[in-house]
Amino acid sequence: MATLTKTPTPTGIPAAVLARLIDEGHGPNAWYGVDVQAAIADVDAALAAKRPKPGRHNIAEIALHHAFWLHEVRGRLVGGTPDGFPLSGEDWFSWEGGAGPSWDEVKTTLSTEVERLRDTVDAIARGASSSPLAAEGRFDQVLGIAAHGAYHAGQIQLVKALVS
């Protein structure tokens, strides 16, 4: 049976919980298994470009998609558009391995966006930066992106199994 409403966001959440959520979704040592950064750690450029089926996303596209949403959540937390994302466009990016960023640049983009989100959450918690979102809204955004990371880590693991 589908859930029609969300469980209410808890109140009084310590700011440190948000950093912990980011860490859980993006490693290291996530309790549920391989996090998104660990999922791509053993992937080379050739594997990153393989598609499980024509028209399906490859590993590099999944990594760029998640990096884009890390960037977007950071913008939501600070109430504006953060510094530019390294690729033009949004959400899903085509990646074939020849044109555009190298595989190493894709991995760096992902890890940089994780670090920037973590730094933003820490700055808000310290009062060094402000957010237009109430604590509950910040929690919802960070919980969502952590779940997004865990989902795509599993997806990457599945793509690796399908194309290997």
C-alpha atoms as a PDB file:
ATOM      1  CA  MET A   1       0.000   0.000   0.000  1.00  0.00           C
ATOM      2  CA  ALA A   2       1.374   3.417  -0.917  1.00  0.00           C
ATOM      3  CA  THR A   3       1.992   6.038   1.721  1.00  0.00           C
ATOM      4  CA  LEU A   4      -0.035   9.145   0.964  1.00  0.00           C
ATOM      5  CA  THR A   5       1.617  11.437   3.482  1.00  0.00           C
ATOM      6  CA  LYS A   6       5.090  11.782   4.884  1.00  0.00           C
ATOM      7  CA  THR A   7       5.893  11.248   8.502  1.00  0.00           C
ATOM      8  CA  PRO A   8       6.225  14.735   9.988  1.00  0.00           C
ATOM      9  CA  THR A   9       9.775  16.032  10.119  1.00  0.00           C
ATOM     10  CA  PRO A  10      11.049  15.876  13.690  1.00  0.00           C
ATOM     11  CA  THR A  11      11.751  19.174  15.403  1.00  0.00           C
ATOM     12  CA  GLY A  12      14.736  20.124  17.530  1.00  0.00           C
ATOM     13  CA  ILE A  13      17.179  18.239  15.342  1.00  0.00           C
ATOM     14  CA  PRO A  14      20.788  19.010  16.311  1.00  0.00           C
ATOM     15  CA  ALA A  15      22.760  20.534  13.439  1.00  0.00           C
ATOM     16  CA  ALA A  16      25.302  17.713  13.679  1.00  0.00           C
ATOM     17  CA  VAL A  17      22.651  15.293  12.440  1.00  0.00           C
ATOM     18  CA  LEU A  18      22.739  16.899   9.001  1.00  0.00           C
ATOM     19  CA  ALA A  19      26.475  16.379   8.659  1.00  0.00           C
ATOM     20  CA  ARG A  20      26.004  12.776   9.762  1.00  0.00           C
ATOM     21  CA  LEU A  21      23.340  12.246   7.092  1.00  0.00           C
ATOM     22  CA  ILE A  22      25.694  13.538   4.405  1.00  0.00           C
ATOM     23  CA  ASP A  23      28.425  11.245   5.702  1.00  0.00           C
ATOM     24  CA  GLU A  24      26.097   8.247   5.706  1.00  0.00           C
ATOM     25  CA  GLY A  25      24.962   8.861   2.145  1.00  0.00           C
ATOM     26  CA  HIS A  26      28.422   9.533   0.796  1.00  0.00           C
ATOM     27  CA  GLY A  27      30.813   7.458   2.859  1.00  0.00           C
ATOM     28  CA  PRO A  28      33.027   6.267   4.139  1.00  0.00           C
ATOM     29  CA  ASN A  29      31.783   3.077   5.764  1.00  0.00           C
ATOM     30  CA  ALA A  30      28.037   3.435   5.283  1.00  0.00           C
ATOM     31  CA  TRP A  31      26.309   0.760   7.338  1.00  0.00           C
ATOM     32  CA  TYR A  32      24.135  -0.382   4.432  1.00  0.00           C
ATOM     33  CA  GLY A  33      27.056  -1.161   2.132  1.00  0.00           C
ATOM     34  CA  VAL A  34      28.753   0.721  -0.663  1.00  0.00           C
ATOM     35  CA  ASP A  35      28.139   4.466  -0.726  1.00  0.00           C
ATOM     36  CA  VAL A  36      28.066   6.415  -3.985  1.00  0.00           C
ATOM     37  CA  GLN A  37      31.730   7.432  -3.880  1.00  0.00           C
ATOM     38  CA  ALA A  38      32.858   3.905  -3.026  1.00  0.00           C
ATOM     39  CA  ALA A  39      30.665   2.583  -5.851  1.00  0.00           C
ATOM     40  CA  ILE A  40      32.689   4.517  -8.421  1.00  0.00           C
ATOM     41  CA  ALA A  41      36.112   4.056  -6.803  1.00  0.00           C
ATOM     42  CA  ASP A  42      36.959   0.907  -8.779  1.00  0.00           C
ATOM     43  CA  VAL A  43      35.423   2.112 -12.045  1.00  0.00           C
ATOM     44  CA  ASP A  44      37.662   3.082 -14.953  1.00  0.00           C
ATOM     45  CA  ALA A  45      36.651   5.310 -17.878  1.00  0.00           C
ATOM     46  CA  ALA A  46      35.768   2.389 -20.132  1.00  0.00           C
ATOM     47  CA  LEU A  47      33.431   0.873 -17.552  1.00  0.00           C
ATOM     48  CA  ALA A  48      31.981   4.302 -16.695  1.00  0.00           C
ATOM     49  CA  ALA A  49      30.896   4.702 -20.339  1.00  0.00           C
ATOM     50  CA  LYS A  50      29.228   1.285 -20.770  1.00  0.00           C
ATOM     51  CA  ARG A  51      25.447   1.233 -20.896  1.00  0.00           C
ATOM     52  CA  PRO A  52      23.466  -1.754 -19.630  1.00  0.00           C
ATOM     53  CA  LYS A  53      21.166  -1.317 -22.642  1.00  0.00           C
ATOM     54  CA  PRO A  54      20.883   1.313 -25.385  1.00  0.00           C
ATOM     55  CA  GLY A  55      19.138   4.401 -24.063  1.00  0.00           C
ATOM     56  CA  ARG A  56      19.995   3.606 -20.420  1.00  0.00           C
ATOM     57  CA  HIS A  57      22.283   5.726 -18.275  1.00  0.00           C
ATOM     58  CA  ASN A  58      25.892   4.778 -17.782  1.00  0.00           C
ATOM     59  CA  ILE A  59      27.820   5.111 -14.517  1.00  0.00           C
ATOM     60  CA  ALA A  60      29.327   8.482 -15.426  1.00  0.00           C
ATOM     61  CA  GLU A  61      25.885   9.926 -16.163  1.00  0.00           C
ATOM     62  CA  ILE A  62      24.554   8.652 -12.843  1.00  0.00           C
ATOM     63  CA  ALA A  63      27.527  10.196 -11.012  1.00  0.00           C
ATOM     64  CA  LEU A  64      27.047  13.546 -12.789  1.00  0.00           C
ATOM     65  CA  HIS A  65      23.313  13.469 -12.092  1.00  0.00           C
ATOM     66  CA  HIS A  66      23.930  12.970  -8.388  1.00  0.00           C
ATOM     67  CA  ALA A  67      26.628  15.668  -8.345  1.00  0.00           C
ATOM     68  CA  PHE A  68      24.147  18.068  -9.954  1.00  0.00           C
ATOM     69  CA  TRP A  69      21.575  17.407  -7.231  1.00  0.00           C
ATOM     70  CA  LEU A  70      24.178  17.848  -4.494  1.00  0.00           C
ATOM     71  CA  HIS A  71      24.830  21.267  -6.055  1.00  0.00           C
ATOM     72  CA  GLU A  72      21.099  22.055  -6.196  1.00  0.00           C
ATOM     73  CA  VAL A  73      20.510  21.090  -2.559  1.00  0.00           C
ATOM     74  CA  ARG A  74      23.396  23.333  -1.550  1.00  0.00           C
ATOM     75  CA  GLY A  75      21.675  26.170  -3.376  1.00  0.00           C
ATOM     76  CA  ARG A  76      18.401  25.476  -1.593  1.00  0.00           C
ATOM     77  CA  LEU A  77      20.179  25.514   1.761  1.00  0.00           C
ATOM     78  CA  VAL A  78      21.694  28.950   1.157  1.00  0.00           C
ATOM     79  CA  GLY A  79      18.734  30.388  -0.723  1.00  0.00           C
ATOM     80  CA  GLY A  80      20.410  31.092  -3.997  1.00  0.00           C
ATOM     81  CA  THR A  81      22.389  29.733  -6.835  1.00  0.00           C
ATOM     82  CA  PRO A  82      25.764  28.504  -5.665  1.00  0.00           C
ATOM     83  CA  ASP A  83      28.828  28.886  -7.839  1.00  0.00           C
ATOM     84  CA  GLY A  84      28.313  27.342 -11.238  1.00  0.00           C
ATOM     85  CA  PHE A  85      28.092  23.664 -11.877  1.00  0.00           C
ATOM     86  CA  PRO A  86      30.947  22.611 -14.193  1.00  0.00           C
ATOM     87  CA  LEU A  87      28.565  21.514 -16.967  1.00  0.00           C
ATOM     88  CA  SER A  88      25.819  23.483 -18.628  1.00  0.00           C
ATOM     89  CA  GLY A  89      22.367  21.995 -18.387  1.00  0.00           C
ATOM     90  CA  GLU A  90      20.683  20.272 -15.521  1.00  0.00           C
ATOM     91  CA  ASP A  91      19.682  16.965 -14.018  1.00  0.00           C
ATOM     92  CA  TRP A  92      20.936  14.386 -16.549  1.00  0.00           C
ATOM     93  CA  PHE A  93      24.032  14.878 -18.694  1.00  0.00           C
ATOM     94  CA  SER A  94      25.096  12.768 -21.644  1.00  0.00           C
ATOM     95  CA  TRP A  95      28.563  11.262 -21.237  1.00  0.00           C
ATOM     96  CA  GLU A  96      30.240   9.053 -23.794  1.00  0.00           C
ATOM     97  CA  GLY A  97      33.824   9.298 -22.553  1.00  0.00           C
ATOM     98  CA  GLY A  98      35.230  11.200 -25.524  1.00  0.00           C
ATOM     99  CA  ALA A  99      33.866  14.721 -25.302  1.00  0.00           C
ATOM    100  CA  GLY A 100      33.282  16.758 -22.182  1.00  0.00           C
ATOM    101  CA  PRO A 101      34.858  16.050 -18.825  1.00  0.00           C
ATOM    102  CA  SER A 102      37.180  13.099 -18.366  1.00  0.00           C
ATOM    103  CA  TRP A 103      36.175  10.282 -16.037  1.00  0.00           C
ATOM    104  CA  ASP A 104      38.614  11.642 -13.449  1.00  0.00           C
ATOM    105  CA  GLU A 105      36.905  15.045 -13.734  1.00  0.00           C
ATOM    106  CA  VAL A 106      33.504  13.405 -13.244  1.00  0.00           C
ATOM    107  CA  LYS A 107      34.737  11.708 -10.055  1.00  0.00           C
ATOM    108  CA  THR A 108      36.278  14.971  -8.855  1.00  0.00           C
ATOM    109  CA  THR A 109      33.029  16.825  -9.546  1.00  0.00           C
ATOM    110  CA  LEU A 110      31.116  14.347  -7.422  1.00  0.00           C
ATOM    111  CA  SER A 111      33.547  14.441  -4.500  1.00  0.00           C
ATOM    112  CA  THR A 112      33.810  18.238  -4.680  1.00  0.00           C
ATOM    113  CA  GLU A 113      30.037  18.627  -4.523  1.00  0.00           C
ATOM    114  CA  VAL A 114      29.855  16.293  -1.517  1.00  0.00           C
ATOM    115  CA  GLU A 115      32.544  18.352   0.248  1.00  0.00           C
ATOM    116  CA  ARG A 116      30.857  21.644  -0.632  1.00  0.00           C
ATOM    117  CA  LEU A 117      27.516  20.457   0.700  1.00  0.00           C
ATOM    118  CA  ARG A 118      29.169  19.220   3.892  1.00  0.00           C
ATOM    119  CA  ASP A 119      30.983  22.576   4.275  1.00  0.00           C
ATOM    120  CA  THR A 120      27.725  24.462   3.718  1.00  0.00           C
ATOM    121  CA  VAL A 121      25.894  22.424   6.355  1.00  0.00           C
ATOM    122  CA  ASP A 122      28.778  22.989   8.781  1.00  0.00           C
ATOM    123  CA  ALA A 123      28.835  26.752   8.064  1.00  0.00           C
ATOM    124  CA  ILE A 124      25.102  27.048   8.704  1.00  0.00           C
ATOM    125  CA  ALA A 125      25.445  25.059  11.946  1.00  0.00           C
ATOM    126  CA  ARG A 126      28.256  27.366  13.133  1.00  0.00           C
ATOM    127  CA  GLY A 127      26.312  30.488  12.210  1.00  0.00           C
ATOM    128  CA  ALA A 128      28.940  31.435   9.614  1.00  0.00           C
ATOM    129  CA  SER A 129      26.272  31.209   6.904  1.00  0.00           C
ATOM    130  CA  SER A 130      22.516  31.578   6.965  1.00  0.00           C
ATOM    131  CA  SER A 131      19.723  29.633   5.351  1.00  0.00           C
ATOM    132  CA  PRO A 132      16.240  30.731   4.339  1.00  0.00           C
ATOM    133  CA  LEU A 133      15.032  27.282   5.362  1.00  0.00           C
ATOM    134  CA  ALA A 134      13.951  26.414   8.870  1.00  0.00           C
ATOM    135  CA  ALA A 135      15.787  23.547  10.567  1.00  0.00           C
ATOM    136  CA  GLU A 136      13.089  21.121   9.440  1.00  0.00           C
ATOM    137  CA  GLY A 137      13.442  22.215   5.809  1.00  0.00           C
ATOM    138  CA  ARG A 138      17.199  21.793   5.976  1.00  0.00           C
ATOM    139  CA  PHE A 139      16.711  18.317   7.437  1.00  0.00           C
ATOM    140  CA  ASP A 140      14.332  17.362   4.615  1.00  0.00           C
ATOM    141  CA  GLN A 141      16.802  18.522   1.945  1.00  0.00           C
ATOM    142  CA  VAL A 142      19.793  16.748   3.467  1.00  0.00           C
ATOM    143  CA  LEU A 143      17.848  13.565   4.203  1.00  0.00           C
ATOM    144  CA  GLY A 144      16.612  13.577   0.618  1.00  0.00           C
ATOM    145  CA  ILE A 145      20.050  13.976  -0.936  1.00  0.00           C
ATOM    146  CA  ALA A 146      21.504  11.293   1.359  1.00  0.00           C
ATOM    147  CA  ALA A 147      18.765   8.883   0.243  1.00  0.00           C
ATOM    148  CA  HIS A 148      19.371   9.946  -3.357  1.00  0.00           C
ATOM    149  CA  GLY A 149      23.050   9.049  -2.936  1.00  0.00           C
ATOM    150  CA  ALA A 150      22.252   5.650  -1.440  1.00  0.00           C
ATOM    151  CA  TYR A 151      19.796   4.915  -4.250  1.00  0.00           C
ATOM    152  CA  HIS A 152      22.308   5.806  -6.949  1.00  0.00           C
ATOM    153  CA  ALA A 153      25.080   3.841  -5.214  1.00  0.00           C
ATOM    154  CA  GLY A 154      22.910   0.754  -5.567  1.00  0.00           C
ATOM    155  CA  GLN A 155      22.093   1.659  -9.140  1.00  0.00           C
ATOM    156  CA  ILE A 156      25.795   1.990  -9.979  1.00  0.00           C
ATOM    157  CA  GLN A 157      26.499  -1.385  -8.389  1.00  0.00           C
ATOM    158  CA  LEU A 158      23.736  -2.908 -10.534  1.00  0.00           C
ATOM    159  CA  VAL A 159      25.046  -1.276 -13.731  1.00  0.00           C
ATOM    160  CA  LYS A 160      28.539  -2.602 -12.932  1.00  0.00           C
ATOM    161  CA  ALA A 161      27.132  -6.120 -12.613  1.00  0.00           C
ATOM    162  CA  LEU A 162      25.126  -5.809 -15.822  1.00  0.00           C
ATOM    163  CA  VAL A 163      27.949  -4.509 -18.025  1.00  0.00           C
ATOM    164  CA  SER A 164      30.865  -6.536 -16.641  1.00  0.00           C
END
